[in-house]
PDB file of N, CA and C in Angstrom:
ATOM      1  N   MET A   1       1.915   1.328 -40.879  1.00  0.00           N
ATOM      2  CA  MET A   1       1.747   0.228 -39.940  1.00  0.00           C
ATOM      3  C   MET A   1       0.875   0.686 -38.784  1.00  0.00           C
ATOM      4  N   LEU A   2      -0.125  -0.097 -38.421  1.00  0.00           N
ATOM      5  CA  LEU A   2      -1.033   0.238 -37.341  1.00  0.00           C
ATOM      6  C   LEU A   2      -0.538  -0.357 -36.033  1.00  0.00           C
ATOM      7  N   THR A   3      -0.726   0.402 -34.968  1.00  0.00           N
ATOM      8  CA  THR A   3      -0.373  -0.122 -33.651  1.00  0.00           C
ATOM      9  C   THR A   3      -1.629  -0.623 -32.972  1.00  0.00           C
ATOM     10  N   ASP A   4      -1.456  -1.419 -31.963  1.00  0.00           N
ATOM     11  CA  ASP A   4      -2.592  -1.958 -31.212  1.00  0.00           C
ATOM     12  C   ASP A   4      -3.250  -0.824 -30.435  1.00  0.00           C
ATOM     13  N   THR A   5      -4.482  -0.529 -30.760  1.00  0.00           N
ATOM     14  CA  THR A   5      -5.189   0.570 -30.101  1.00  0.00           C
ATOM     15  C   THR A   5      -6.332   0.063 -29.233  1.00  0.00           C
ATOM     16  N   ALA A   6      -6.299  -1.199 -28.866  1.00  0.00           N
ATOM     17  CA  ALA A   6      -7.345  -1.756 -28.019  1.00  0.00           C
ATOM     18  C   ALA A   6      -7.300  -1.065 -26.660  1.00  0.00           C
ATOM     19  N   PRO A   7      -8.466  -0.696 -26.139  1.00  0.00           N
ATOM     20  CA  PRO A   7      -8.482  -0.026 -24.833  1.00  0.00           C
ATOM     21  C   PRO A   7      -8.000  -0.963 -23.733  1.00  0.00           C
ATOM     22  N   SER A   8      -7.339  -0.366 -22.741  1.00  0.00           N
ATOM     23  CA  SER A   8      -6.887  -1.188 -21.619  1.00  0.00           C
ATOM     24  C   SER A   8      -8.085  -1.530 -20.747  1.00  0.00           C
ATOM     25  N   SER A   9      -7.915  -2.508 -19.917  1.00  0.00           N
ATOM     26  CA  SER A   9      -8.980  -2.948 -19.032  1.00  0.00           C
ATOM     27  C   SER A   9      -9.380  -1.820 -18.088  1.00  0.00           C
ATOM     28  N   VAL A  10     -10.646  -1.722 -17.790  1.00  0.00           N
ATOM     29  CA  VAL A  10     -11.143  -0.707 -16.871  1.00  0.00           C
ATOM     30  C   VAL A  10     -10.548  -0.921 -15.467  1.00  0.00           C
ATOM     31  N   LEU A  11     -10.109  -2.123 -15.174  1.00  0.00           N
ATOM     32  CA  LEU A  11      -9.544  -2.437 -13.868  1.00  0.00           C
ATOM     33  C   LEU A  11      -8.015  -2.454 -13.861  1.00  0.00           C
ATOM     34  N   SER A  12      -7.394  -1.920 -14.907  1.00  0.00           N
ATOM     35  CA  SER A  12      -5.931  -1.989 -14.993  1.00  0.00           C
ATOM     36  C   SER A  12      -5.232  -1.211 -13.887  1.00  0.00           C
ATOM     37  N   GLY A  13      -5.895  -0.230 -13.269  1.00  0.00           N
ATOM     38  CA  GLY A  13      -5.279   0.534 -12.190  1.00  0.00           C
ATOM     39  C   GLY A  13      -5.580  -0.017 -10.809  1.00  0.00           C
ATOM     40  N   TYR A  14      -6.082  -1.250 -10.765  1.00  0.00           N
ATOM     41  CA  TYR A  14      -6.476  -1.853  -9.491  1.00  0.00           C
ATOM     42  C   TYR A  14      -5.700  -3.131  -9.208  1.00  0.00           C
ATOM     43  N   LEU A  15      -5.564  -3.427  -7.922  1.00  0.00           N
ATOM     44  CA  LEU A  15      -4.936  -4.665  -7.465  1.00  0.00           C
ATOM     45  C   LEU A  15      -5.979  -5.490  -6.720  1.00  0.00           C
ATOM     46  N   THR A  16      -5.879  -6.791  -6.839  1.00  0.00           N
ATOM     47  CA  THR A  16      -6.722  -7.659  -6.024  1.00  0.00           C
ATOM     48  C   THR A  16      -6.128  -7.710  -4.622  1.00  0.00           C
ATOM     49  N   LYS A  17      -6.887  -8.239  -3.698  1.00  0.00           N
ATOM     50  CA  LYS A  17      -6.402  -8.378  -2.326  1.00  0.00           C
ATOM     51  C   LYS A  17      -5.156  -9.267  -2.281  1.00  0.00           C
ATOM     52  N   THR A  18      -5.156 -10.326  -3.055  1.00  0.00           N
ATOM     53  CA  THR A  18      -4.004 -11.225  -3.090  1.00  0.00           C
ATOM     54  C   THR A  18      -2.777 -10.528  -3.659  1.00  0.00           C
ATOM     55  N   GLN A  19      -2.952  -9.767  -4.729  1.00  0.00           N
ATOM     56  CA  GLN A  19      -1.827  -9.055  -5.329  1.00  0.00           C
ATOM     57  C   GLN A  19      -1.245  -8.029  -4.363  1.00  0.00           C
ATOM     58  N   LEU A  20      -2.107  -7.271  -3.686  1.00  0.00           N
ATOM     59  CA  LEU A  20      -1.623  -6.263  -2.748  1.00  0.00           C
ATOM     60  C   LEU A  20      -0.923  -6.909  -1.567  1.00  0.00           C
ATOM     61  N   ALA A  21      -1.493  -7.973  -1.039  1.00  0.00           N
ATOM     62  CA  ALA A  21      -0.868  -8.669   0.089  1.00  0.00           C
ATOM     63  C   ALA A  21       0.529  -9.133  -0.293  1.00  0.00           C
ATOM     64  N   GLU A  22       0.660  -9.666  -1.490  1.00  0.00           N
ATOM     65  CA  GLU A  22       1.962 -10.139  -1.966  1.00  0.00           C
ATOM     66  C   GLU A  22       2.951  -8.981  -2.079  1.00  0.00           C
ATOM     67  N   GLN A  23       2.513  -7.866  -2.629  1.00  0.00           N
ATOM     68  CA  GLN A  23       3.409  -6.728  -2.812  1.00  0.00           C
ATOM     69  C   GLN A  23       3.813  -6.094  -1.483  1.00  0.00           C
ATOM     70  N   LEU A  24       2.921  -6.124  -0.506  1.00  0.00           N
ATOM     71  CA  LEU A  24       3.241  -5.557   0.806  1.00  0.00           C
ATOM     72  C   LEU A  24       3.965  -6.545   1.709  1.00  0.00           C
ATOM     73  N   GLY A  25       4.036  -7.792   1.281  1.00  0.00           N
ATOM     74  CA  GLY A  25       4.678  -8.811   2.118  1.00  0.00           C
ATOM     75  C   GLY A  25       3.832  -9.151   3.338  1.00  0.00           C
ATOM     76  N   ARG A  26       2.525  -9.066   3.184  1.00  0.00           N
ATOM     77  CA  ARG A  26       1.587  -9.368   4.252  1.00  0.00           C
ATOM     78  C   ARG A  26       0.613 -10.430   3.767  1.00  0.00           C
ATOM     79  N   SER A  27      -0.161 -10.975   4.686  1.00  0.00           N
ATOM     80  CA  SER A  27      -1.143 -11.981   4.290  1.00  0.00           C
ATOM     81  C   SER A  27      -2.465 -11.305   3.948  1.00  0.00           C
ATOM     82  N   VAL A  28      -3.305 -12.031   3.235  1.00  0.00           N
ATOM     83  CA  VAL A  28      -4.650 -11.557   2.928  1.00  0.00           C
ATOM     84  C   VAL A  28      -5.406 -11.344   4.235  1.00  0.00           C
ATOM     85  N   ARG A  29      -5.193 -12.215   5.178  1.00  0.00           N
ATOM     86  CA  ARG A  29      -5.872 -12.094   6.479  1.00  0.00           C
ATOM     87  C   ARG A  29      -5.465 -10.794   7.179  1.00  0.00           C
ATOM     88  N   THR A  30      -4.204 -10.399   7.061  1.00  0.00           N
ATOM     89  CA  THR A  30      -3.753  -9.141   7.653  1.00  0.00           C
ATOM     90  C   THR A  30      -4.466  -7.973   6.999  1.00  0.00           C
ATOM     91  N   LEU A  31      -4.617  -7.994   5.673  1.00  0.00           N
ATOM     92  CA  LEU A  31      -5.364  -6.937   4.991  1.00  0.00           C
ATOM     93  C   LEU A  31      -6.812  -6.888   5.475  1.00  0.00           C
ATOM     94  N   ASP A  32      -7.400  -8.047   5.709  1.00  0.00           N
ATOM     95  CA  ASP A  32      -8.772  -8.095   6.227  1.00  0.00           C
ATOM     96  C   ASP A  32      -8.839  -7.458   7.619  1.00  0.00           C
ATOM     97  N   ARG A  33      -7.867  -7.767   8.479  1.00  0.00           N
ATOM     98  CA  ARG A  33      -7.849  -7.180   9.825  1.00  0.00           C
ATOM     99  C   ARG A  33      -7.650  -5.668   9.757  1.00  0.00           C
ATOM    100  N   MET A  34      -6.767  -5.227   8.850  1.00  0.00           N
ATOM    101  CA  MET A  34      -6.529  -3.799   8.692  1.00  0.00           C
ATOM    102  C   MET A  34      -7.803  -3.084   8.230  1.00  0.00           C
ATOM    103  N   ALA A  35      -8.558  -3.725   7.349  1.00  0.00           N
ATOM    104  CA  ALA A  35      -9.809  -3.143   6.861  1.00  0.00           C
ATOM    105  C   ALA A  35     -10.826  -3.027   7.990  1.00  0.00           C
ATOM    106  N   LEU A  36     -10.907  -4.046   8.833  1.00  0.00           N
ATOM    107  CA  LEU A  36     -11.854  -4.018   9.947  1.00  0.00           C
ATOM    108  C   LEU A  36     -11.513  -2.938  10.966  1.00  0.00           C
ATOM    109  N   SER A  37     -10.224  -2.705  11.170  1.00  0.00           N
ATOM    110  CA  SER A  37      -9.804  -1.700  12.152  1.00  0.00           C
ATOM    111  C   SER A  37      -9.786  -0.288  11.558  1.00  0.00           C
ATOM    112  N   GLY A  38      -9.948  -0.192  10.233  1.00  0.00           N
ATOM    113  CA  GLY A  38      -9.909   1.113   9.580  1.00  0.00           C
ATOM    114  C   GLY A  38      -8.503   1.617   9.337  1.00  0.00           C
ATOM    115  N   ASP A  39      -7.517   0.744   9.501  1.00  0.00           N
ATOM    116  CA  ASP A  39      -6.117   1.128   9.373  1.00  0.00           C
ATOM    117  C   ASP A  39      -5.533   0.811   7.998  1.00  0.00           C
ATOM    118  N   GLY A  40      -6.272   0.121   7.161  1.00  0.00           N
ATOM    119  CA  GLY A  40      -5.748  -0.308   5.866  1.00  0.00           C
ATOM    120  C   GLY A  40      -5.970   0.724   4.774  1.00  0.00           C
ATOM    121  N   PRO A  41      -5.465   0.414   3.591  1.00  0.00           N
ATOM    122  CA  PRO A  41      -5.655   1.319   2.459  1.00  0.00           C
ATOM    123  C   PRO A  41      -7.113   1.326   2.007  1.00  0.00           C
ATOM    124  N   PRO A  42      -7.544   2.420   1.358  1.00  0.00           N
ATOM    125  CA  PRO A  42      -8.923   2.463   0.841  1.00  0.00           C
ATOM    126  C   PRO A  42      -9.156   1.323  -0.151  1.00  0.00           C
ATOM    127  N   ARG A  43     -10.365   0.817  -0.159  1.00  0.00           N
ATOM    128  CA  ARG A  43     -10.670  -0.319  -1.023  1.00  0.00           C
ATOM    129  C   ARG A  43     -12.007  -0.114  -1.705  1.00  0.00           C
ATOM    130  N   THR A  44     -12.193  -0.859  -2.765  1.00  0.00           N
ATOM    131  CA  THR A  44     -13.441  -0.845  -3.520  1.00  0.00           C
ATOM    132  C   THR A  44     -14.016  -2.249  -3.474  1.00  0.00           C
ATOM    133  N   LYS A  45     -15.287  -2.362  -3.144  1.00  0.00           N
ATOM    134  CA  LYS A  45     -15.939  -3.662  -3.110  1.00  0.00           C
ATOM    135  C   LYS A  45     -16.886  -3.768  -4.299  1.00  0.00           C
ATOM    136  N   ILE A  46     -16.756  -4.839  -5.039  1.00  0.00           N
ATOM    137  CA  ILE A  46     -17.682  -5.167  -6.119  1.00  0.00           C
ATOM    138  C   ILE A  46     -18.178  -6.565  -5.810  1.00  0.00           C
ATOM    139  N   GLY A  47     -19.372  -6.628  -5.239  1.00  0.00           N
ATOM    140  CA  GLY A  47     -19.862  -7.913  -4.765  1.00  0.00           C
ATOM    141  C   GLY A  47     -18.962  -8.401  -3.644  1.00  0.00           C
ATOM    142  N   ARG A  48     -18.420  -9.592  -3.793  1.00  0.00           N
ATOM    143  CA  ARG A  48     -17.511 -10.147  -2.791  1.00  0.00           C
ATOM    144  C   ARG A  48     -16.047  -9.857  -3.103  1.00  0.00           C
ATOM    145  N   THR A  49     -15.805  -9.198  -4.211  1.00  0.00           N
ATOM    146  CA  THR A  49     -14.434  -8.908  -4.632  1.00  0.00           C
ATOM    147  C   THR A  49     -13.974  -7.575  -4.061  1.00  0.00           C
ATOM    148  N   THR A  50     -12.794  -7.580  -3.470  1.00  0.00           N
ATOM    149  CA  THR A  50     -12.187  -6.359  -2.949  1.00  0.00           C
ATOM    150  C   THR A  50     -11.049  -5.964  -3.869  1.00  0.00           C
ATOM    151  N   LEU A  51     -11.050  -4.700  -4.285  1.00  0.00           N
ATOM    152  CA  LEU A  51      -9.999  -4.183  -5.156  1.00  0.00           C
ATOM    153  C   LEU A  51      -9.386  -2.941  -4.513  1.00  0.00           C
ATOM    154  N   TYR A  52      -8.120  -2.726  -4.803  1.00  0.00           N
ATOM    155  CA  TYR A  52      -7.391  -1.574  -4.283  1.00  0.00           C
ATOM    156  C   TYR A  52      -6.849  -0.780  -5.462  1.00  0.00           C
ATOM    157  N   ARG A  53      -7.179   0.505  -5.512  1.00  0.00           N
ATOM    158  CA  ARG A  53      -6.664   1.369  -6.576  1.00  0.00           C
ATOM    159  C   ARG A  53      -5.207   1.681  -6.268  1.00  0.00           C
ATOM    160  N   ARG A  54      -4.333   1.450  -7.241  1.00  0.00           N
ATOM    161  CA  ARG A  54      -2.892   1.628  -7.039  1.00  0.00           C
ATOM    162  C   ARG A  54      -2.546   2.996  -6.460  1.00  0.00           C
ATOM    163  N   GLU A  55      -3.130   4.051  -7.029  1.00  0.00           N
ATOM    164  CA  GLU A  55      -2.802   5.407  -6.566  1.00  0.00           C
ATOM    165  C   GLU A  55      -3.253   5.621  -5.126  1.00  0.00           C
ATOM    166  N   ALA A  56      -4.394   5.064  -4.744  1.00  0.00           N
ATOM    167  CA  ALA A  56      -4.876   5.189  -3.367  1.00  0.00           C
ATOM    168  C   ALA A  56      -3.960   4.451  -2.399  1.00  0.00           C
ATOM    169  N   VAL A  57      -3.444   3.309  -2.826  1.00  0.00           N
ATOM    170  CA  VAL A  57      -2.502   2.557  -1.985  1.00  0.00           C
ATOM    171  C   VAL A  57      -1.216   3.361  -1.804  1.00  0.00           C
ATOM    172  N   LEU A  58      -0.723   3.979  -2.870  1.00  0.00           N
ATOM    173  CA  LEU A  58       0.487   4.798  -2.764  1.00  0.00           C
ATOM    174  C   LEU A  58       0.256   5.981  -1.825  1.00  0.00           C
ATOM    175  N   ASP A  59      -0.901   6.619  -1.924  1.00  0.00           N
ATOM    176  CA  ASP A  59      -1.225   7.725  -1.017  1.00  0.00           C
ATOM    177  C   ASP A  59      -1.268   7.235   0.429  1.00  0.00           C
ATOM    178  N   TRP A  60      -1.879   6.079   0.649  1.00  0.00           N
ATOM    179  CA  TRP A  60      -1.964   5.493   1.988  1.00  0.00           C
ATOM    180  C   TRP A  60      -0.566   5.205   2.531  1.00  0.00           C
ATOM    181  N   LEU A  61       0.291   4.664   1.690  1.00  0.00           N
ATOM    182  CA  LEU A  61       1.660   4.388   2.127  1.00  0.00           C
ATOM    183  C   LEU A  61       2.376   5.680   2.519  1.00  0.00           C
ATOM    184  N   ARG A  62       2.156   6.742   1.762  1.00  0.00           N
ATOM    185  CA  ARG A  62       2.787   8.030   2.082  1.00  0.00           C
ATOM    186  C   ARG A  62       2.334   8.551   3.440  1.00  0.00           C
ATOM    187  N   THR A  63       1.084   8.302   3.809  1.00  0.00           N
ATOM    188  CA  THR A  63       0.601   8.781   5.101  1.00  0.00           C
ATOM    189  C   THR A  63       1.223   8.008   6.256  1.00  0.00           C
ATOM    190  N   ARG A  64       1.807   6.877   5.968  1.00  0.00           N
ATOM    191  CA  ARG A  64       2.410   6.046   7.010  1.00  0.00           C
ATOM    192  C   ARG A  64       3.909   6.294   7.164  1.00  0.00           C
ATOM    193  N   GLU A  65       4.440   7.233   6.383  1.00  0.00           N
ATOM    194  CA  GLU A  65       5.871   7.530   6.474  1.00  0.00           C
ATOM    195  C   GLU A  65       6.198   8.123   7.840  1.00  0.00           C
ATOM    196  N   VAL A  66       7.348   7.742   8.338  1.00  0.00           N
ATOM    197  CA  VAL A  66       7.842   8.241   9.611  1.00  0.00           C
ATOM    198  C   VAL A  66       9.141   8.974   9.325  1.00  0.00           C
ATOM    199  N   PRO A  67       9.306  10.184   9.861  1.00  0.00           N
ATOM    200  CA  PRO A  67      10.549  10.906   9.590  1.00  0.00           C
ATOM    201  C   PRO A  67      11.752  10.145  10.125  1.00  0.00           C
ATOM    202  N   ALA A  68      12.854  10.302   9.423  1.00  0.00           N
ATOM    203  CA  ALA A  68      14.085   9.638   9.845  1.00  0.00           C
ATOM    204  C   ALA A  68      14.541  10.214  11.180  1.00  0.00           C
ATOM    205  N   ALA A  69      15.105   9.366  12.013  1.00  0.00           N
ATOM    206  CA  ALA A  69      15.617   9.825  13.300  1.00  0.00           C
ATOM    207  C   ALA A  69      16.824  10.723  13.072  1.00  0.00           C
ATOM    208  N   ARG A  70      16.865  11.804  13.824  1.00  0.00           N
ATOM    209  CA  ARG A  70      18.005  12.706  13.697  1.00  0.00           C
ATOM    210  C   ARG A  70      19.169  12.135  14.478  1.00  0.00           C
ATOM    211  N   PRO A  71      20.376  12.270  13.932  1.00  0.00           N
ATOM    212  CA  PRO A  71      21.532  11.774  14.689  1.00  0.00           C
ATOM    213  C   PRO A  71      21.726  12.622  15.939  1.00  0.00           C
ATOM    214  N   ASN A  72      22.201  11.982  16.970  1.00  0.00           N
ATOM    215  CA  ASN A  72      22.425  12.664  18.235  1.00  0.00           C
ATOM    216  C   ASN A  72      23.655  13.544  18.108  1.00  0.00           C
ATOM    217  N   SER A  73      23.457  14.860  18.074  1.00  0.00           N
ATOM    218  CA  SER A  73      24.583  15.775  17.878  1.00  0.00           C
ATOM    219  C   SER A  73      25.309  16.066  19.180  1.00  0.00           C
ATOM    220  N   CYS A  74      24.707  15.727  20.293  1.00  0.00           N
ATOM    221  CA  CYS A  74      25.335  15.986  21.596  1.00  0.00           C
ATOM    222  C   CYS A  74      25.754  14.670  22.223  1.00  0.00           C
ATOM    223  N   ARG A  75      26.629  13.998  21.580  1.00  0.00           N
ATOM    224  CA  ARG A  75      27.080  12.710  22.116  1.00  0.00           C
ATOM    225  C   ARG A  75      27.930  12.922  23.353  1.00  0.00           C
ATOM    226  N   ARG A  76      27.660  12.124  24.315  1.00  0.00           N
ATOM    227  CA  ARG A  76      28.444  12.182  25.545  1.00  0.00           C
ATOM    228  C   ARG A  76      29.679  11.341  25.388  1.00  0.00           C
ATOM    229  N   GLU A  77      30.722  11.785  25.974  1.00  0.00           N
ATOM    230  CA  GLU A  77      31.961  11.014  25.919  1.00  0.00           C
ATOM    231  C   GLU A  77      31.818   9.804  26.839  1.00  0.00           C
ATOM    232  N   PRO A  78      32.407   8.683  26.454  1.00  0.00           N
ATOM    233  CA  PRO A  78      32.297   7.481  27.286  1.00  0.00           C
ATOM    234  C   PRO A  78      32.968   7.695  28.643  1.00  0.00           C
ATOM    235  N   ARG A  79      32.363   7.087  29.644  1.00  0.00           N
ATOM    236  CA  ARG A  79      32.932   7.155  30.988  1.00  0.00           C
ATOM    237  C   ARG A  79      34.175   6.287  31.079  1.00  0.00           C
ATOM    238  N   GLN A  80      35.066   6.739  31.904  1.00  0.00           N
ATOM    239  CA  GLN A  80      36.300   5.941  32.075  1.00  0.00           C
ATOM    240  C   GLN A  80      36.371   5.312  33.424  1.00  0.00           C
TER     241      GLN A  80
END
């Protein structure tokens, strides 16, 4: 029995601006503003189409991680 060996799309590792906005819970306009300020994820432009490589978006998200706040080990007793 033969399996489907058709090559995947060359763009299978990319998201459109609309898809990324949806996944991030942001608007397309917010992604546009982030791109203008240089604060957004890396993007690829093909004509008027903007695409985001999934791995580049994941790397960008990792750079935005903030360390968890440490619990205050020296808690003061409440005043009476």
